[in-house]
Every structure is written in structure tokens, then in C-alpha cells.
Protein backbone atom coordinates (compact mmCIF):
# COMPACT_ATOMS: atom_id res chain seq x y z
CA UNK A 1 0.00 0.00 0.00
CA UNK A 2 1.55 3.24 -1.15
CA UNK A 3 0.51 6.85 -0.60
CA UNK A 4 1.54 9.44 -3.18
CA UNK A 5 1.02 13.17 -3.42
CA UNK A 6 -0.59 14.52 -6.58
CA UNK A 7 2.71 15.89 -7.83
CA UNK A 8 4.30 12.44 -7.96
CA UNK A 9 1.44 10.37 -9.42
CA UNK A 10 2.91 10.20 -12.92
CA UNK A 11 6.32 9.16 -11.56
CA UNK A 12 4.71 6.48 -9.38
CA UNK A 13 2.71 5.15 -12.34
CA UNK A 14 5.87 4.99 -14.45
CA UNK A 15 7.78 3.18 -11.71
CA UNK A 16 4.98 0.66 -11.22
CA UNK A 17 5.05 -0.15 -14.95
CA UNK A 18 8.86 -0.40 -15.01
CA UNK A 19 8.77 -2.74 -12.00
CA UNK A 20 6.20 -4.98 -13.67
CA UNK A 21 3.05 -3.81 -11.91
CA UNK A 22 1.10 -1.81 -14.51
CA UNK A 23 -2.11 -0.42 -13.13
CA UNK A 24 -0.87 -0.60 -9.52
CA UNK A 25 -3.21 1.57 -7.47
CA UNK A 26 -2.17 3.75 -4.57
CA UNK A 27 -3.72 6.39 -2.37
CA UNK A 28 -3.33 9.96 -3.60
CA UNK A 29 -3.26 13.01 -1.34
CA UNK A 30 -2.81 16.72 -2.12
CA UNK A 31 0.65 18.18 -2.65
CA UNK A 32 2.53 19.63 -0.86
CA UNK A 33 2.38 18.17 2.61
CA UNK A 34 5.61 19.65 3.98
CA UNK A 35 4.00 23.07 4.40
CA UNK A 36 0.52 21.84 5.30
CA UNK A 37 -0.94 22.74 8.66
CA UNK A 38 -2.51 20.34 11.14
CA UNK A 39 -5.99 20.63 9.62
CA UNK A 40 -4.76 19.89 6.08
CA UNK A 41 -2.61 16.99 7.29
CA UNK A 42 -5.53 15.45 9.17
CA UNK A 43 -7.73 15.80 6.09
CA UNK A 44 -5.06 14.19 3.89
CA UNK A 45 -4.61 11.35 6.37
CA UNK A 46 -8.37 10.77 6.44
CA UNK A 47 -8.50 10.72 2.64
CA UNK A 48 -5.56 8.31 2.47
CA UNK A 49 -7.21 6.04 5.02
CA UNK A 50 -10.45 5.89 3.03
CA UNK A 51 -8.55 5.10 -0.15
CA UNK A 52 -6.43 2.49 1.65
CA UNK A 53 -9.53 0.72 2.92
CA UNK A 54 -10.94 0.59 -0.59
CA UNK A 55 -7.67 -0.66 -2.09
CA UNK A 56 -6.88 -3.20 0.60
CA UNK A 57 -10.38 -4.63 0.88
CA UNK A 58 -11.09 -4.81 -2.86
CA UNK A 59 -11.15 -8.24 -4.20
């Protein structure tokens, strides 16, 4: 389970293809996080958690 910021989605998709996992899905949160305040970080964590549940429980 990977979490990526929006800025790095294309790089993550490329790496997943290169490593033999085309279509690998990951959670995506807003960029940047380094300058985000507590409220924005909590919102991003909540969004990542919801996406992680969907990805991990899909089947």
C-alpha cells in the first residue's frame, strides 16, 4: 500500500510499470504536505485512510 502526493502520481505510475506492476493503485493526497498545517494533514490522512480501505479490501 503506497501513498503518493498529486505531484508524484505520474512518476509512481511509471515506476509501477517499469517494475512490472502496470495499473498498480495507490492512495493519492494533495501536494505539498511539507508546508501543510494540522488541519490539512488530518484531512489528507483521512482521505488516504479511506482510499487504503478501498484498495486493501477490494477483491
